[in-house]
Amino acid sequence: MSLVMSVLSRLRLAVIGVVVLAGVVLVVAVRGVGAPQAPRPVGDVRGALAESPAPSPTATATAIPSPTTSPLPSASPTPLPVPLSGPTHPGGRYSAPMAYDGARRDVVMFGGVGGADETWTWDGRWTLRHPAHSPGPRAYSEMAYDPVHRQVVLFGGIGLSDTWLWDGTDWTEAAPTFVPQQTIEEGMTFSSATGTVLMYSGGGFGSIHVYSWDGRNWTDLPFTGGPPSSAFQGGFSADPVRGVVVLLADDINQQKLQHWEFDGRTWTHRDVPTPPVRALVQTVTDQRDHTIVMFGGVNFNDTWTWDGTQWTQQQPRHSPPQRSSTGPMPSMAYDAARGEVVVFGGLPVMGPNVPLDDTWTWNGRDWRQR
């Protein structure tokens, strides 16, 4: 209760973001929490979870499951123009999970707002896949590669808590005996320390969880220490040198991003200089340079790297424009076969409210639009 009162006392505003896409309204609750000196936006769609029903098994619409909250009276009934997918290029979308498939040596992207139930792979060019089975349309899901079982693991999304496995050809729905609580954009990665896929679930106003996927079932891992429940979202990536998982968290009770490390049993907070505070932190592991790469976030398009000792801001000649808004964020993954970070889509902060359909790659020195 003390945490709730503390957060509420700092609450500056509550914004209801209404996204009208393909004739369907997606209502996203966004919290804006300000620092004592100046307010800062916080992109948080956790509030939509409790309001979002799971999609009907017989539904054929390609819209993301939407909350039951009525749209604001001022919401425009005109659908957003969305760049449509072609035979060789994904259409505009945001908050589509993306992960590298080590067994097939390509990057997999699924769904997202504007992406329906499409499965795309990237190997230097985009290919639309046509699996016999597929998860339903969704966004804000988690996805990571499981090298032990040579499968890509997809979990949940708004209003969803199902688990799907991609083998390079088809999707298979898993049937775990334990199901994690619903999460949104909070981070999933493989941990060499546990030999399993780990998924972080920030508390918001509840408790922190780390879920472990062993190829058949989820486990709610016990641990000591750990971030406070106010660290509800962050980049969650493996440190390729030190064997720990790094959480770079947006903690609404702190005025800088918080750096936490998890070894499979214990959380350790490291008081190191971090990038400027922001919401919707995204990181990936760069296996070639042995670093963790952070790009963007709400109101940012900067690039930072973690080398196991310090966070360093990079100075590329080119950079993708801002593409994280209050809730929407781009897809991001490391392409190990080509040694590049891949970023796709998102929602522009300025200009037309149209999901992006551009692809950018980071080679450790500069960004290139593909």
Protein backbone atom coordinates (compact mmCIF):
# COMPACT_ATOMS: atom_id res chain seq x y z
CA MET A 1 0.00 0.00 0.00
CA SER A 2 2.89 2.36 0.76
CA LEU A 3 4.18 1.88 -2.79
CA VAL A 4 0.77 2.63 -4.25
CA MET A 5 0.44 5.79 -2.21
CA SER A 6 3.96 6.84 -3.14
CA VAL A 7 3.31 6.37 -6.84
CA LEU A 8 -0.08 8.04 -6.68
CA SER A 9 1.41 11.03 -4.91
CA ARG A 10 3.81 11.46 -7.86
CA LEU A 11 1.23 10.89 -10.54
CA ARG A 12 1.06 13.92 -12.82
CA LEU A 13 -1.51 12.86 -15.36
CA ALA A 14 -3.39 9.97 -16.84
CA VAL A 15 -3.77 9.77 -20.56
CA ILE A 16 -6.00 7.43 -22.48
CA GLY A 17 -4.44 6.80 -25.86
CA VAL A 18 -6.92 5.72 -28.46
CA VAL A 19 -5.49 4.01 -31.50
CA VAL A 20 -7.95 3.37 -34.31
CA LEU A 21 -6.57 0.74 -36.63
CA ALA A 22 -8.41 -1.02 -39.46
CA GLY A 23 -11.70 0.11 -37.98
CA VAL A 24 -10.96 -1.33 -34.53
CA VAL A 25 -10.31 0.83 -31.48
CA LEU A 26 -7.47 -0.13 -29.17
CA VAL A 27 -7.62 1.78 -25.89
CA VAL A 28 -4.33 1.96 -24.04
CA ALA A 29 -3.92 3.41 -20.58
CA VAL A 30 -0.77 5.44 -20.28
CA ARG A 31 0.69 6.75 -17.06
CA GLY A 32 2.73 9.94 -17.11
CA VAL A 33 4.98 10.29 -14.08
CA GLY A 34 7.00 13.42 -13.66
CA ALA A 35 10.30 14.10 -11.98
CA PRO A 36 10.28 16.85 -9.37
CA GLN A 37 11.88 19.28 -11.87
CA ALA A 38 10.02 18.41 -15.04
CA PRO A 39 7.43 15.83 -16.08
CA ARG A 40 8.50 12.88 -18.17
CA PRO A 41 6.23 10.57 -20.18
CA VAL A 42 5.93 6.95 -19.19
CA GLY A 43 4.66 4.46 -21.75
CA ASP A 44 2.74 1.80 -19.86
CA VAL A 45 -0.02 -0.36 -21.23
CA ARG A 46 -0.25 -2.65 -18.21
CA GLY A 47 -3.62 -1.15 -17.30
CA ALA A 48 -5.08 -2.63 -20.45
CA LEU A 49 -4.37 -6.17 -19.30
CA ALA A 50 -7.10 -6.36 -16.75
CA GLU A 51 -9.59 -4.97 -19.22
CA SER A 52 -8.61 -7.05 -22.25
CA PRO A 53 -10.57 -10.23 -22.91
CA ALA A 54 -8.93 -13.13 -24.69
CA PRO A 55 -9.99 -13.39 -28.34
CA SER A 56 -12.73 -15.77 -29.31
CA PRO A 57 -11.43 -19.07 -30.75
CA THR A 58 -13.75 -18.62 -33.72
CA ALA A 59 -12.83 -15.03 -34.42
CA THR A 60 -11.60 -14.34 -37.93
CA ALA A 61 -10.87 -10.62 -37.63
CA THR A 62 -7.27 -9.55 -37.87
CA ALA A 63 -7.47 -6.92 -35.16
CA ILE A 64 -5.55 -7.01 -31.90
CA PRO A 65 -7.80 -8.00 -28.94
CA SER A 66 -9.06 -4.73 -27.55
CA PRO A 67 -10.18 -3.72 -24.05
CA THR A 68 -13.87 -3.39 -23.32
CA THR A 69 -13.46 0.23 -22.31
CA SER A 70 -15.55 2.51 -24.50
CA PRO A 71 -13.59 4.85 -26.76
CA LEU A 72 -13.41 8.50 -25.89
CA PRO A 73 -16.18 10.60 -27.46
CA SER A 74 -13.56 12.65 -29.28
CA ALA A 75 -12.00 9.62 -30.98
CA SER A 76 -12.05 9.85 -34.75
CA PRO A 77 -14.05 7.08 -36.48
CA THR A 78 -11.67 7.21 -39.43
CA PRO A 79 -9.21 4.27 -39.46
CA LEU A 80 -5.53 5.10 -39.51
CA PRO A 81 -3.90 4.65 -42.91
CA VAL A 82 -1.53 1.71 -42.53
CA PRO A 83 1.13 0.78 -45.09
CA LEU A 84 0.00 -2.65 -46.23
CA SER A 85 2.20 -5.71 -46.48
CA GLY A 86 3.39 -6.66 -49.93
CA PRO A 87 4.88 -9.93 -51.15
CA THR A 88 8.40 -8.85 -50.21
CA HIS A 89 7.97 -6.29 -47.44
CA PRO A 90 5.98 -6.09 -44.17
CA GLY A 91 3.39 -3.37 -43.86
CA GLY A 92 3.54 -0.71 -41.15
CA ARG A 93 3.20 -1.98 -37.59
CA TYR A 94 4.40 -1.47 -34.07
CA SER A 95 4.90 -3.55 -30.90
CA ALA A 96 5.50 -6.70 -32.94
CA PRO A 97 7.78 -9.18 -31.12
CA MET A 98 10.98 -10.10 -32.94
CA ALA A 99 13.78 -12.60 -32.21
CA TYR A 100 16.71 -14.26 -33.96
CA ASP A 101 16.19 -17.92 -34.89
CA GLY A 102 19.62 -19.48 -34.46
CA ALA A 103 18.68 -22.81 -36.02
CA ARG A 104 17.45 -21.21 -39.25
CA ARG A 105 19.81 -18.20 -39.13
CA ASP A 106 17.11 -15.60 -39.67
CA VAL A 107 15.10 -13.09 -37.65
CA VAL A 108 11.43 -13.84 -36.95
CA MET A 109 8.78 -11.13 -36.50
CA PHE A 110 5.16 -11.87 -35.62
CA GLY A 111 1.97 -9.80 -35.63
CA GLY A 112 1.95 -6.43 -33.90
CA VAL A 113 -0.56 -3.62 -34.24
CA GLY A 114 -1.05 -3.46 -38.00
CA GLY A 115 0.58 -6.86 -38.51
CA ALA A 116 -2.45 -9.14 -37.95
CA ASP A 117 -1.20 -12.74 -37.60
CA GLU A 118 1.59 -12.45 -40.14
CA THR A 119 4.91 -14.27 -39.69
CA TRP A 120 7.86 -12.61 -41.40
CA THR A 121 11.53 -13.63 -41.50
CA TRP A 122 14.55 -11.44 -42.21
CA ASP A 123 17.82 -12.78 -43.69
CA GLY A 124 18.93 -9.53 -45.27
CA ARG A 125 15.56 -9.31 -46.99
CA TRP A 126 12.01 -9.91 -45.79
CA THR A 127 10.01 -13.08 -46.55
CA LEU A 128 6.33 -13.61 -45.65
CA ARG A 129 5.89 -17.11 -44.29
CA HIS A 130 2.72 -19.20 -44.62
CA PRO A 131 2.60 -21.65 -41.71
CA ALA A 132 -0.23 -24.18 -41.45
CA HIS A 133 -0.94 -22.99 -37.90
CA SER A 134 -0.47 -19.62 -36.30
CA PRO A 135 -1.07 -17.68 -33.08
CA GLY A 136 -3.96 -15.26 -33.28
CA PRO A 137 -3.39 -11.54 -33.95
CA ARG A 138 -1.61 -9.85 -31.07
CA ALA A 139 0.77 -7.10 -30.03
CA TYR A 140 2.98 -6.27 -27.04
CA SER A 141 4.07 -9.92 -26.86
CA GLU A 142 7.39 -11.40 -25.72
CA MET A 143 9.65 -13.50 -27.94
CA ALA A 144 13.10 -15.13 -27.66
CA TYR A 145 15.11 -18.00 -29.12
CA ASP A 146 15.63 -21.21 -27.14
CA PRO A 147 18.94 -22.68 -28.42
CA VAL A 148 18.55 -25.84 -26.34
CA HIS A 149 15.34 -26.85 -28.11
CA ARG A 150 16.06 -24.93 -31.34
CA GLN A 151 12.74 -23.09 -31.18
CA VAL A 152 11.54 -19.49 -31.01
CA VAL A 153 9.28 -18.97 -27.98
CA LEU A 154 6.36 -16.52 -28.18
CA PHE A 155 4.37 -15.57 -25.10
CA GLY A 156 1.14 -13.63 -24.63
CA GLY A 157 0.28 -10.10 -25.61
CA ILE A 158 -2.54 -7.83 -24.49
CA GLY A 159 -5.21 -10.01 -22.89
CA LEU A 160 -3.29 -13.22 -23.69
CA SER A 161 -1.13 -15.69 -21.76
CA ASP A 162 -0.59 -18.48 -24.29
CA THR A 163 2.76 -19.91 -25.40
CA TRP A 164 3.66 -20.73 -29.01
CA LEU A 165 6.77 -22.34 -30.53
CA TRP A 166 8.21 -21.67 -34.00
CA ASP A 167 10.35 -24.37 -35.67
CA GLY A 168 11.12 -22.50 -38.85
CA THR A 169 8.13 -23.94 -40.70
CA ASP A 170 5.11 -23.91 -38.42
CA TRP A 171 3.78 -22.64 -35.10
CA THR A 172 2.75 -25.06 -32.35
CA GLU A 173 0.81 -24.03 -29.27
CA ALA A 174 2.44 -25.36 -26.12
CA ALA A 175 0.46 -26.76 -23.20
CA PRO A 176 2.39 -25.84 -20.04
CA THR A 177 0.96 -26.90 -16.69
CA PHE A 178 1.86 -23.50 -15.23
CA VAL A 179 1.01 -20.24 -17.00
CA PRO A 180 2.72 -16.93 -16.16
CA GLN A 181 0.73 -13.80 -15.51
CA GLN A 182 0.13 -11.59 -18.52
CA THR A 183 3.05 -9.32 -19.39
CA ILE A 184 3.62 -6.48 -21.84
CA GLU A 185 6.95 -5.56 -23.48
CA GLU A 186 8.92 -6.37 -20.35
CA GLY A 187 11.69 -8.51 -21.77
CA MET A 188 12.56 -12.11 -22.66
CA THR A 189 15.98 -13.65 -23.32
CA PHE A 190 17.93 -16.91 -23.07
CA SER A 191 20.13 -17.26 -20.00
CA SER A 192 23.29 -19.36 -20.11
CA ALA A 193 23.24 -19.44 -16.30
CA THR A 194 19.92 -21.30 -16.14
CA GLY A 195 19.99 -22.92 -19.59
CA THR A 196 16.44 -21.68 -20.11
CA VAL A 197 14.51 -18.77 -21.60
CA LEU A 198 13.81 -16.13 -18.95
CA MET A 199 10.94 -13.65 -19.02
CA TYR A 200 10.84 -10.61 -16.77
CA SER A 201 7.53 -9.40 -15.40
CA GLY A 202 7.65 -6.01 -13.73
CA GLY A 203 5.31 -5.41 -10.87
CA GLY A 204 3.75 -2.02 -11.58
CA PHE A 205 1.73 -2.13 -8.37
CA GLY A 206 2.37 -5.85 -7.75
CA SER A 207 5.39 -8.10 -7.34
CA ILE A 208 8.33 -8.81 -9.61
CA HIS A 209 8.50 -12.21 -11.33
CA VAL A 210 11.10 -14.00 -13.42
CA TYR A 211 9.61 -16.87 -15.39
CA SER A 212 11.74 -19.68 -16.81
CA TRP A 213 10.82 -21.75 -19.91
CA ASP A 214 12.51 -25.17 -20.14
CA GLY A 215 10.99 -26.27 -23.44
CA ARG A 216 7.85 -27.78 -21.89
CA ASN A 217 6.78 -25.71 -18.93
CA TRP A 218 7.07 -22.35 -17.23
CA THR A 219 8.45 -21.95 -13.71
CA ASP A 220 8.14 -18.91 -11.46
CA LEU A 221 11.76 -18.71 -10.33
CA PRO A 222 12.57 -18.00 -6.69
CA PHE A 223 15.30 -15.40 -6.18
CA THR A 224 16.88 -13.17 -3.62
CA GLY A 225 17.06 -9.40 -3.87
CA GLY A 226 15.63 -7.83 -6.98
CA PRO A 227 14.21 -4.62 -8.39
CA PRO A 228 11.33 -2.93 -6.57
CA SER A 229 7.88 -3.34 -8.05
CA SER A 230 8.11 0.23 -9.35
CA ALA A 231 10.63 -1.02 -11.96
CA PHE A 232 7.84 -2.20 -14.20
CA GLN A 233 9.55 -2.15 -17.62
CA GLY A 234 13.03 -2.32 -19.06
CA GLY A 235 15.46 -3.82 -21.51
CA PHE A 236 16.21 -7.43 -20.53
CA SER A 237 19.23 -8.91 -22.31
CA ALA A 238 22.07 -11.34 -21.65
CA ASP A 239 25.56 -10.01 -20.98
CA PRO A 240 27.55 -12.10 -23.50
CA VAL A 241 30.76 -11.93 -21.47
CA ARG A 242 29.74 -12.17 -17.83
CA GLY A 243 26.92 -14.72 -18.06
CA VAL A 244 24.33 -12.57 -16.29
CA VAL A 245 21.13 -11.02 -17.59
CA VAL A 246 21.02 -7.22 -17.46
CA LEU A 247 17.80 -5.36 -16.74
CA LEU A 248 17.99 -1.67 -17.63
CA ALA A 249 14.81 -0.57 -15.93
CA ASP A 250 12.57 2.46 -15.99
CA ASP A 251 11.77 2.80 -12.28
CA ILE A 252 9.06 5.39 -11.71
CA ASN A 253 10.50 6.16 -8.26
CA GLN A 254 13.97 6.98 -9.62
CA GLN A 255 15.32 9.81 -11.73
CA LYS A 256 17.68 7.65 -13.79
CA LEU A 257 17.49 4.24 -15.41
CA GLN A 258 18.34 1.46 -12.98
CA HIS A 259 20.92 -1.22 -13.86
CA TRP A 260 20.18 -4.64 -12.36
CA GLU A 261 21.87 -8.00 -13.02
CA PHE A 262 20.44 -11.49 -12.53
CA ASP A 263 22.55 -14.67 -12.34
CA GLY A 264 19.63 -17.10 -12.18
CA ARG A 265 19.29 -16.95 -8.42
CA THR A 266 20.25 -13.50 -7.17
CA TRP A 267 19.58 -9.93 -8.30
CA THR A 268 22.37 -7.36 -7.91
CA HIS A 269 21.96 -3.62 -8.33
CA ARG A 270 24.93 -1.84 -9.92
CA ASP A 271 25.19 1.87 -9.29
CA VAL A 272 26.72 2.83 -12.63
CA PRO A 273 26.03 5.85 -14.84
CA THR A 274 23.17 4.96 -17.18
CA PRO A 275 21.54 6.54 -20.25
CA PRO A 276 19.04 9.36 -19.63
CA VAL A 277 15.79 8.20 -18.08
CA ARG A 278 13.06 7.19 -20.52
CA ALA A 279 10.08 4.89 -20.92
CA LEU A 280 9.93 1.84 -23.21
CA VAL A 281 13.58 0.81 -22.88
CA GLN A 282 14.70 -1.72 -25.52
CA THR A 283 17.97 -3.66 -25.52
CA VAL A 284 19.47 -6.61 -27.43
CA THR A 285 22.66 -8.64 -27.08
CA ASP A 286 25.27 -7.97 -29.78
CA GLN A 287 27.22 -11.23 -29.93
CA ARG A 288 29.81 -9.91 -32.38
CA ASP A 289 30.89 -6.94 -30.30
CA HIS A 290 30.08 -8.68 -26.98
CA THR A 291 27.93 -5.77 -25.89
CA ILE A 292 24.33 -4.98 -25.06
CA VAL A 293 22.81 -2.38 -27.40
CA MET A 294 20.07 0.03 -26.32
CA PHE A 295 18.18 2.08 -28.90
CA GLY A 296 15.56 4.76 -28.50
CA GLY A 297 12.62 4.83 -26.14
CA VAL A 298 9.94 7.46 -25.74
CA ASN A 299 11.25 10.78 -27.15
CA PHE A 300 14.70 9.33 -27.93
CA ASN A 301 16.54 7.87 -30.92
CA ASP A 302 20.01 7.57 -29.38
CA THR A 303 22.19 4.45 -29.28
CA TRP A 304 24.06 3.17 -26.20
CA THR A 305 26.18 0.08 -25.56
CA TRP A 306 27.10 -1.85 -22.40
CA ASP A 307 30.48 -3.62 -22.41
CA GLY A 308 30.25 -5.26 -18.99
CA THR A 309 31.74 -2.23 -17.27
CA GLN A 310 30.00 0.92 -18.47
CA TRP A 311 27.26 2.33 -20.67
CA THR A 312 28.65 4.36 -23.59
CA GLN A 313 26.69 6.60 -25.93
CA GLN A 314 27.55 5.91 -29.56
CA GLN A 315 27.82 8.67 -32.15
CA PRO A 316 26.58 7.22 -35.47
CA ARG A 317 26.42 9.40 -38.56
CA HIS A 318 22.91 8.16 -39.24
CA SER A 319 20.10 7.03 -36.96
CA PRO A 320 16.48 5.93 -37.25
CA PRO A 321 14.04 8.70 -36.30
CA GLN A 322 12.12 8.48 -33.03
CA ARG A 323 9.62 5.61 -33.16
CA SER A 324 8.47 4.91 -29.60
CA SER A 325 5.33 6.65 -28.38
CA THR A 326 3.27 6.13 -25.22
CA GLY A 327 2.79 2.38 -25.64
CA PRO A 328 3.84 1.70 -29.25
CA MET A 329 7.45 0.69 -29.88
CA PRO A 330 9.45 -0.76 -32.79
CA SER A 331 10.55 -4.36 -33.26
CA MET A 332 14.19 -4.99 -32.38
CA ALA A 333 16.47 -8.04 -32.47
CA TYR A 334 20.09 -9.01 -33.07
CA ASP A 335 20.76 -10.85 -36.33
CA ALA A 336 23.73 -13.08 -35.47
CA ALA A 337 24.11 -14.46 -39.00
CA ARG A 338 24.76 -10.99 -40.41
CA GLY A 339 26.21 -9.40 -37.27
CA GLU A 340 23.67 -6.58 -37.12
CA VAL A 341 20.93 -5.23 -34.88
CA VAL A 342 17.64 -5.02 -36.79
CA VAL A 343 14.93 -2.44 -36.03
CA PHE A 344 11.60 -2.41 -37.83
CA GLY A 345 8.54 -0.15 -37.68
CA GLY A 346 7.16 1.67 -34.68
CA LEU A 347 5.00 4.78 -34.47
CA PRO A 348 6.48 8.21 -35.22
CA VAL A 349 6.37 10.78 -32.44
CA MET A 350 5.96 13.65 -34.89
CA GLY A 351 4.01 13.83 -38.14
CA PRO A 352 1.17 11.58 -39.34
CA ASN A 353 -0.03 9.01 -36.83
CA VAL A 354 0.81 6.18 -39.22
CA PRO A 355 2.75 3.01 -38.23
CA LEU A 356 6.21 2.88 -39.80
CA ASP A 357 7.31 0.20 -42.27
CA ASP A 358 11.04 0.90 -42.52
CA THR A 359 13.96 -1.41 -41.66
CA TRP A 360 17.21 -0.22 -40.08
CA THR A 361 20.36 -2.17 -39.19
CA TRP A 362 23.18 -1.33 -36.75
CA ASN A 363 26.67 -2.73 -37.49
CA GLY A 364 28.36 -1.49 -34.33
CA ARG A 365 29.35 1.86 -35.87
CA ASP A 366 26.43 3.26 -37.82
CA TRP A 367 22.75 2.77 -38.68
CA ARG A 368 21.71 2.00 -42.25
CA GLN A 369 18.20 2.08 -43.68
CA ARG A 370 17.56 -1.03 -45.76
